[in-house]
């Protein structure tokens, strides 16, 4: 009889591509991963993992068993969902992830509502950028992620995930108080062709959106400063070091010395939740989605 936890370890190795990655994903030590894999090899009587330079790779037998392991674990998830659905109670644990402004703007109200309505449900949350949140949901490291895309640039969402819209989030341009356009009732992005920009870090989805959007307006962006934290971006604007796009969700108070100007071009983030489709019937997932949707409605009203 194959051991489920050892199959989970093999599945983690296949998904993460390394022993250390599997250990991080499973929240165990690399030694524990190696021990589980060695025991699994003895159970099946075949070599599943081979050395590959400084790392490891799956053998043909390892890949075959890893494919079966993924299907088995998915079936276990379905079984858990069915049991929870039959019981009809929101209990156990649900793990949420969200990009920083969603974690700040939606999670406090949603989690507080879940705690009040479902006291036997334990909620854990973390901050993750959208692409990493989706990856963690696929891996099974979190149950539900709040992610985003923009009205003119979609975030790729792999198959096998369910999703639910939460809210649309408008964005403005933040400028220093002495900027020539600070007194405008609205601006166009083309008005900032000669300005320095403050941007999200390179490689992040919102950075790619900003570059794509400015270039679509005929602007080759002059990005002078990169900052992942919203308040750091606004501090740079306050110091007169550039301009930035600032969405409204989770924005909080705007510091003195910074002016927000609406943009003529429609700039909206679509905020939505994603989770594994095979967990769709879990009452805890449905309760978390509803709490997030209610938090989004409260912000939109």
Foldseek 3Di string as FASTA:
>chain_A
DQDLVLLLLLLLCVLQVFLCSSCVLVVHDSVVSVVSQVVRCVVVVHRQWDDDPPTIDGDPVSVVSSVVSLVVVLVVLLVVLVVLLVVVAQADEAEEEEAVLCCQQFVVQLVVVCCVVHVRYHYHYYYDAQVVRLSSQSSVSGFKYKYKDKPVGDDDHDPQKDKDFQAKWFKWKKAFCPDPCLPPQAEALVVCLPWEEEEADPPGNRRVVVCVVCVVVVHRHRHDHHDNDLVVRLVCRLVRRTMYIGIDRNNPDRDPRMGTHHYPDTIIMTIMMMGGPSNVSRPNVVSSRVSSNVSSVVVVD
